[in-house]
Amino acid sequence: MKAVIDRIEGSIAVLVLCEERGTVIRLPEFLLPGAREGDIVDLLVTRDVAGTAAARKKSSNMIAKLDKKKSA
């Protein structure tokens, strides 16, 4: 998906999606090194299935530990 850097507000880049006029995304400027206002950027977002599974497992383990402490 393509977006144009509309403006930089401090350390935040404000992007407007090209396909969805009016849809705004704010990103830390450091994620777009060298980019300036008016530049077109290509954004790619992917789902991290393995990362999600690992985070859920970690959360479940933490909850189980807290439950053990609570019932002890």
PDB file of N, CA and C in Angstrom:
ATOM      1  N   MET A   1       0.843  -1.154   0.000  1.00  0.00           N
ATOM      2  CA  MET A   1       0.000   0.000   0.000  1.00  0.00           C
ATOM      3  C   MET A   1       0.895   1.225   0.000  1.00  0.00           C
ATOM      4  N   LYS A   2       0.506   2.189  -0.748  1.00  0.00           N
ATOM      5  CA  LYS A   2       1.329   3.390  -0.873  1.00  0.00           C
ATOM      6  C   LYS A   2       0.728   4.524  -0.058  1.00  0.00           C
ATOM      7  N   ALA A   3       1.623   5.378   0.455  1.00  0.00           N
ATOM      8  CA  ALA A   3       1.206   6.542   1.225  1.00  0.00           C
ATOM      9  C   ALA A   3       2.139   7.695   0.904  1.00  0.00           C
ATOM     10  N   VAL A   4       1.643   8.896   1.080  1.00  0.00           N
ATOM     11  CA  VAL A   4       2.464  10.088   0.898  1.00  0.00           C
ATOM     12  C   VAL A   4       2.733  10.672   2.281  1.00  0.00           C
ATOM     13  N   ILE A   5       3.976  11.115   2.478  1.00  0.00           N
ATOM     14  CA  ILE A   5       4.311  11.778   3.742  1.00  0.00           C
ATOM     15  C   ILE A   5       3.753  13.191   3.640  1.00  0.00           C
ATOM     16  N   ASP A   6       2.687  13.433   4.373  1.00  0.00           N
ATOM     17  CA  ASP A   6       1.992  14.716   4.332  1.00  0.00           C
ATOM     18  C   ASP A   6       2.788  15.792   5.057  1.00  0.00           C
ATOM     19  N   ARG A   7       3.301  15.418   6.232  1.00  0.00           N
ATOM     20  CA  ARG A   7       4.057  16.383   7.030  1.00  0.00           C
ATOM     21  C   ARG A   7       4.823  15.649   8.130  1.00  0.00           C
ATOM     22  N   ILE A   8       5.776  16.359   8.698  1.00  0.00           N
ATOM     23  CA  ILE A   8       6.531  15.868   9.845  1.00  0.00           C
ATOM     24  C   ILE A   8       6.169  16.774  11.023  1.00  0.00           C
ATOM     25  N   GLU A   9       5.658  16.168  12.086  1.00  0.00           N
ATOM     26  CA  GLU A   9       5.318  16.923  13.303  1.00  0.00           C
ATOM     27  C   GLU A   9       6.267  16.484  14.402  1.00  0.00           C
ATOM     28  N   GLY A  10       7.296  17.274  14.630  1.00  0.00           N
ATOM     29  CA  GLY A  10       8.316  16.892  15.603  1.00  0.00           C
ATOM     30  C   GLY A  10       9.034  15.658  15.107  1.00  0.00           C
ATOM     31  N   SER A  11       8.893  14.553  15.823  1.00  0.00           N
ATOM     32  CA  SER A  11       9.545  13.304  15.423  1.00  0.00           C
ATOM     33  C   SER A  11       8.539  12.310  14.842  1.00  0.00           C
ATOM     34  N   ILE A  12       7.343  12.799  14.485  1.00  0.00           N
ATOM     35  CA  ILE A  12       6.294  11.939  13.946  1.00  0.00           C
ATOM     36  C   ILE A  12       6.027  12.299  12.488  1.00  0.00           C
ATOM     37  N   ALA A  13       6.067  11.278  11.624  1.00  0.00           N
ATOM     38  CA  ALA A  13       5.713  11.459  10.213  1.00  0.00           C
ATOM     39  C   ALA A  13       4.230  11.156  10.061  1.00  0.00           C
ATOM     40  N   VAL A  14       3.506  12.069   9.429  1.00  0.00           N
ATOM     41  CA  VAL A  14       2.073  11.889   9.191  1.00  0.00           C
ATOM     42  C   VAL A  14       1.907  11.485   7.732  1.00  0.00           C
ATOM     43  N   LEU A  15       1.418  10.264   7.529  1.00  0.00           N
ATOM     44  CA  LEU A  15       1.243   9.720   6.187  1.00  0.00           C
ATOM     45  C   LEU A  15      -0.236   9.661   5.841  1.00  0.00           C
ATOM     46  N   VAL A  16      -0.555   9.886   4.565  1.00  0.00           N
ATOM     47  CA  VAL A  16      -1.917   9.749   4.076  1.00  0.00           C
ATOM     48  C   VAL A  16      -1.896   8.641   3.031  1.00  0.00           C
ATOM     49  N   LEU A  17      -2.751   7.640   3.216  1.00  0.00           N
ATOM     50  CA  LEU A  17      -2.809   6.533   2.268  1.00  0.00           C
ATOM     51  C   LEU A  17      -3.277   7.030   0.907  1.00  0.00           C
ATOM     52  N   CYS A  18      -2.612   6.587  -0.141  1.00  0.00           N
ATOM     53  CA  CYS A  18      -2.944   7.024  -1.492  1.00  0.00           C
ATOM     54  C   CYS A  18      -4.278   6.441  -1.957  1.00  0.00           C
ATOM     55  N   GLU A  19      -4.545   5.182  -1.649  1.00  0.00           N
ATOM     56  CA  GLU A  19      -5.764   4.526  -2.107  1.00  0.00           C
ATOM     57  C   GLU A  19      -6.977   4.941  -1.282  1.00  0.00           C
ATOM     58  N   GLU A  20      -6.764   5.345  -0.053  1.00  0.00           N
ATOM     59  CA  GLU A  20      -7.840   5.678   0.877  1.00  0.00           C
ATOM     60  C   GLU A  20      -7.666   7.112   1.342  1.00  0.00           C
ATOM     61  N   ARG A  21      -7.964   8.057   0.489  1.00  0.00           N
ATOM     62  CA  ARG A  21      -7.796   9.470   0.859  1.00  0.00           C
ATOM     63  C   ARG A  21      -8.483   9.745   2.192  1.00  0.00           C
ATOM     64  N   GLY A  22      -7.787  10.439   3.051  1.00  0.00           N
ATOM     65  CA  GLY A  22      -8.336  10.766   4.361  1.00  0.00           C
ATOM     66  C   GLY A  22      -7.868   9.827   5.453  1.00  0.00           C
ATOM     67  N   THR A  23      -7.370   8.637   5.083  1.00  0.00           N
ATOM     68  CA  THR A  23      -6.856   7.709   6.091  1.00  0.00           C
ATOM     69  C   THR A  23      -5.433   8.125   6.433  1.00  0.00           C
ATOM     70  N   VAL A  24      -5.208   8.397   7.715  1.00  0.00           N
ATOM     71  CA  VAL A  24      -3.922   8.910   8.181  1.00  0.00           C
ATOM     72  C   VAL A  24      -3.237   7.881   9.060  1.00  0.00           C
ATOM     73  N   ILE A  25      -1.931   7.748   8.875  1.00  0.00           N
ATOM     74  CA  ILE A  25      -1.100   6.883   9.716  1.00  0.00           C
ATOM     75  C   ILE A  25       0.019   7.749  10.277  1.00  0.00           C
ATOM     76  N   ARG A  26       0.265   7.611  11.558  1.00  0.00           N
ATOM     77  CA  ARG A  26       1.373   8.339  12.191  1.00  0.00           C
ATOM     78  C   ARG A  26       2.450   7.334  12.577  1.00  0.00           C
ATOM     79  N   LEU A  27       3.676   7.619  12.143  1.00  0.00           N
ATOM     80  CA  LEU A  27       4.813   6.744  12.438  1.00  0.00           C
ATOM     81  C   LEU A  27       5.963   7.573  12.984  1.00  0.00           C
ATOM     82  N   PRO A  28       6.765   6.981  13.866  1.00  0.00           N
ATOM     83  CA  PRO A  28       7.988   7.679  14.276  1.00  0.00           C
ATOM     84  C   PRO A  28       8.855   7.926  13.038  1.00  0.00           C
ATOM     85  N   GLU A  29       9.379   9.117  12.945  1.00  0.00           N
ATOM     86  CA  GLU A  29      10.171   9.510  11.774  1.00  0.00           C
ATOM     87  C   GLU A  29      11.375   8.595  11.558  1.00  0.00           C
ATOM     88  N   PHE A  30      11.947   8.034  12.640  1.00  0.00           N
ATOM     89  CA  PHE A  30      13.134   7.195  12.487  1.00  0.00           C
ATOM     90  C   PHE A  30      12.847   5.931  11.669  1.00  0.00           C
ATOM     91  N   LEU A  31      11.584   5.559  11.515  1.00  0.00           N
ATOM     92  CA  LEU A  31      11.245   4.392  10.693  1.00  0.00           C
ATOM     93  C   LEU A  31      11.312   4.701   9.200  1.00  0.00           C
ATOM     94  N   LEU A  32      11.467   5.973   8.861  1.00  0.00           N
ATOM     95  CA  LEU A  32      11.516   6.397   7.463  1.00  0.00           C
ATOM     96  C   LEU A  32      12.784   7.217   7.221  1.00  0.00           C
ATOM     97  N   PRO A  33      13.950   6.607   7.400  1.00  0.00           N
ATOM     98  CA  PRO A  33      15.197   7.372   7.296  1.00  0.00           C
ATOM     99  C   PRO A  33      15.358   8.022   5.921  1.00  0.00           C
ATOM    100  N   GLY A  34      15.678   9.306   5.935  1.00  0.00           N
ATOM    101  CA  GLY A  34      15.915  10.046   4.697  1.00  0.00           C
ATOM    102  C   GLY A  34      14.658  10.509   3.991  1.00  0.00           C
ATOM    103  N   ALA A  35      13.500  10.094   4.449  1.00  0.00           N
ATOM    104  CA  ALA A  35      12.258  10.486   3.794  1.00  0.00           C
ATOM    105  C   ALA A  35      11.879  11.916   4.188  1.00  0.00           C
ATOM    106  N   ARG A  36      11.209  12.601   3.243  1.00  0.00           N
ATOM    107  CA  ARG A  36      10.802  13.983   3.488  1.00  0.00           C
ATOM    108  C   ARG A  36       9.344  14.178   3.107  1.00  0.00           C
ATOM    109  N   GLU A  37       8.792  15.303   3.502  1.00  0.00           N
ATOM    110  CA  GLU A  37       7.419  15.631   3.143  1.00  0.00           C
ATOM    111  C   GLU A  37       7.256  15.556   1.628  1.00  0.00           C
ATOM    112  N   GLY A  38       6.163  14.952   1.197  1.00  0.00           N
ATOM    113  CA  GLY A  38       5.889  14.813  -0.229  1.00  0.00           C
ATOM    114  C   GLY A  38       6.368  13.504  -0.822  1.00  0.00           C
ATOM    115  N   ASP A  39       7.241  12.790  -0.109  1.00  0.00           N
ATOM    116  CA  ASP A  39       7.730  11.498  -0.607  1.00  0.00           C
ATOM    117  C   ASP A  39       6.599  10.470  -0.570  1.00  0.00           C
ATOM    118  N   ILE A  40       6.616   9.581  -1.548  1.00  0.00           N
ATOM    119  CA  ILE A  40       5.699   8.442  -1.563  1.00  0.00           C
ATOM    120  C   ILE A  40       6.458   7.262  -0.967  1.00  0.00           C
ATOM    121  N   VAL A  41       5.819   6.558  -0.045  1.00  0.00           N
ATOM    122  CA  VAL A  41       6.435   5.384   0.569  1.00  0.00           C
ATOM    123  C   VAL A  41       5.536   4.175   0.346  1.00  0.00           C
ATOM    124  N   ASP A  42       6.153   3.026   0.281  1.00  0.00           N
ATOM    125  CA  ASP A  42       5.427   1.771   0.111  1.00  0.00           C
ATOM    126  C   ASP A  42       5.414   1.076   1.468  1.00  0.00           C
ATOM    127  N   LEU A  43       4.225   0.790   1.984  1.00  0.00           N
ATOM    128  CA  LEU A  43       4.082   0.168   3.294  1.00  0.00           C
ATOM    129  C   LEU A  43       3.683  -1.292   3.128  1.00  0.00           C
ATOM    130  N   LEU A  44       4.297  -2.157   3.900  1.00  0.00           N
ATOM    131  CA  LEU A  44       3.962  -3.575   3.884  1.00  0.00           C
ATOM    132  C   LEU A  44       3.761  -4.022   5.325  1.00  0.00           C
ATOM    133  N   VAL A  45       2.585  -4.553   5.594  1.00  0.00           N
ATOM    134  CA  VAL A  45       2.267  -5.045   6.924  1.00  0.00           C
ATOM    135  C   VAL A  45       1.949  -6.521   6.796  1.00  0.00           C
ATOM    136  N   THR A  46       2.611  -7.336   7.603  1.00  0.00           N
ATOM    137  CA  THR A  46       2.359  -8.776   7.568  1.00  0.00           C
ATOM    138  C   THR A  46       2.011  -9.267   8.964  1.00  0.00           C
ATOM    139  N   ARG A  47       1.268 -10.328   9.019  1.00  0.00           N
ATOM    140  CA  ARG A  47       0.875 -10.947  10.281  1.00  0.00           C
ATOM    141  C   ARG A  47       1.967 -11.929  10.701  1.00  0.00           C
ATOM    142  N   ASP A  48       2.393 -11.858  11.950  1.00  0.00           N
ATOM    143  CA  ASP A  48       3.442 -12.734  12.477  1.00  0.00           C
ATOM    144  C   ASP A  48       2.778 -13.839  13.300  1.00  0.00           C
ATOM    145  N   VAL A  49       2.433 -14.935  12.638  1.00  0.00           N
ATOM    146  CA  VAL A  49       1.718 -16.036  13.289  1.00  0.00           C
ATOM    147  C   VAL A  49       2.568 -16.671  14.382  1.00  0.00           C
ATOM    148  N   ALA A  50       3.825 -16.938  14.096  1.00  0.00           N
ATOM    149  CA  ALA A  50       4.709 -17.561  15.089  1.00  0.00           C
ATOM    150  C   ALA A  50       4.918 -16.635  16.283  1.00  0.00           C
ATOM    151  N   GLY A  51       5.098 -15.348  16.026  1.00  0.00           N
ATOM    152  CA  GLY A  51       5.278 -14.388  17.110  1.00  0.00           C
ATOM    153  C   GLY A  51       4.045 -14.289  17.988  1.00  0.00           C
ATOM    154  N   THR A  52       2.875 -14.327  17.367  1.00  0.00           N
ATOM    155  CA  THR A  52       1.620 -14.283  18.116  1.00  0.00           C
ATOM    156  C   THR A  52       1.486 -15.506  19.010  1.00  0.00           C
ATOM    157  N   ALA A  53       1.791 -16.674  18.465  1.00  0.00           N
ATOM    158  CA  ALA A  53       1.700 -17.917  19.242  1.00  0.00           C
ATOM    159  C   ALA A  53       2.659 -17.878  20.433  1.00  0.00           C
ATOM    160  N   ALA A  54       3.872 -17.400  20.199  1.00  0.00           N
ATOM    161  CA  ALA A  54       4.862 -17.323  21.278  1.00  0.00           C
ATOM    162  C   ALA A  54       4.405 -16.350  22.366  1.00  0.00           C
ATOM    163  N   ALA A  55       3.846 -15.213  21.974  1.00  0.00           N
ATOM    164  CA  ALA A  55       3.379 -14.232  22.948  1.00  0.00           C
ATOM    165  C   ALA A  55       2.208 -14.786  23.758  1.00  0.00           C
ATOM    166  N   ARG A  56       1.309 -15.511  23.105  1.00  0.00           N
ATOM    167  CA  ARG A  56       0.178 -16.105  23.821  1.00  0.00           C
ATOM    168  C   ARG A  56       0.647 -17.157  24.824  1.00  0.00           C
ATOM    169  N   LYS A  57       1.631 -17.955  24.413  1.00  0.00           N
ATOM    170  CA  LYS A  57       2.163 -18.980  25.308  1.00  0.00           C
ATOM    171  C   LYS A  57       2.823 -18.327  26.520  1.00  0.00           C
ATOM    172  N   LYS A  58       3.602 -17.282  26.281  1.00  0.00           N
ATOM    173  CA  LYS A  58       4.274 -16.581  27.370  1.00  0.00           C
ATOM    174  C   LYS A  58       3.248 -15.987  28.337  1.00  0.00           C
ATOM    175  N   SER A  59       2.200 -15.383  27.794  1.00  0.00           N
ATOM    176  CA  SER A  59       1.142 -14.809  28.637  1.00  0.00           C
ATOM    177  C   SER A  59       0.455 -15.885  29.466  1.00  0.00           C
ATOM    178  N   SER A  60       0.155 -17.009  28.837  1.00  0.00           N
ATOM    179  CA  SER A  60      -0.493 -18.119  29.553  1.00  0.00           C
ATOM    180  C   SER A  60       0.382 -18.618  30.690  1.00  0.00           C
ATOM    181  N   ASN A  61       1.681 -18.746  30.434  1.00  0.00           N
ATOM    182  CA  ASN A  61       2.612 -19.195  31.474  1.00  0.00           C
ATOM    183  C   ASN A  61       2.666 -18.207  32.635  1.00  0.00           C
ATOM    184  N   MET A  62       2.664 -16.916  32.327  1.00  0.00           N
ATOM    185  CA  MET A  62       2.701 -15.903  33.380  1.00  0.00           C
ATOM    186  C   MET A  62       1.423 -15.949  34.216  1.00  0.00           C
ATOM    187  N   ILE A  63       0.285 -16.108  33.561  1.00  0.00           N
ATOM    188  CA  ILE A  63      -0.985 -16.196  34.280  1.00  0.00           C
ATOM    189  C   ILE A  63      -1.004 -17.430  35.174  1.00  0.00           C
ATOM    190  N   ALA A  64      -0.502 -18.554  34.669  1.00  0.00           N
ATOM    191  CA  ALA A  64      -0.452 -19.782  35.459  1.00  0.00           C
ATOM    192  C   ALA A  64       0.416 -19.590  36.699  1.00  0.00           C
ATOM    193  N   LYS A  65       1.562 -18.921  36.560  1.00  0.00           N
ATOM    194  CA  LYS A  65       2.441 -18.655  37.706  1.00  0.00           C
ATOM    195  C   LYS A  65       1.748 -17.761  38.725  1.00  0.00           C
ATOM    196  N   LEU A  66       1.034 -16.736  38.250  1.00  0.00           N
ATOM    197  CA  LEU A  66       0.322 -15.851  39.159  1.00  0.00           C
ATOM    198  C   LEU A  66      -0.801 -16.589  39.883  1.00  0.00           C
ATOM    199  N   ASP A  67      -1.490 -17.469  39.179  1.00  0.00           N
ATOM    200  CA  ASP A  67      -2.540 -18.265  39.792  1.00  0.00           C
ATOM    201  C   ASP A  67      -1.985 -19.177  40.891  1.00  0.00           C
ATOM    202  N   LYS A  68      -0.794 -19.759  40.642  1.00  0.00           N
ATOM    203  CA  LYS A  68      -0.163 -20.604  41.667  1.00  0.00           C
ATOM    204  C   LYS A  68       0.153 -19.804  42.913  1.00  0.00           C
ATOM    205  N   LYS A  69       0.724 -18.602  42.721  1.00  0.00           N
ATOM    206  CA  LYS A  69       1.062 -17.745  43.869  1.00  0.00           C
ATOM    207  C   LYS A  69      -0.193 -17.347  44.625  1.00  0.00           C
ATOM    208  N   LYS A  70      -1.224 -17.058  43.874  1.00  0.00           N
ATOM    209  CA  LYS A  70      -2.490 -16.614  44.467  1.00  0.00           C
ATOM    210  C   LYS A  70      -3.124 -17.688  45.329  1.00  0.00           C
ATOM    211  N   SER A  71      -3.050 -18.934  44.887  1.00  0.00           N
ATOM    212  CA  SER A  71      -3.678 -20.031  45.620  1.00  0.00           C
ATOM    213  C   SER A  71      -2.767 -20.613  46.700  1.00  0.00           C
ATOM    214  N   ALA A  72      -1.527 -20.200  46.743  1.00  0.00           N
ATOM    215  CA  ALA A  72      -0.601 -20.743  47.746  1.00  0.00           C
ATOM    216  C   ALA A  72      -0.738 -20.049  49.087  1.00  0.00           C
TER     217      ALA A  72
END
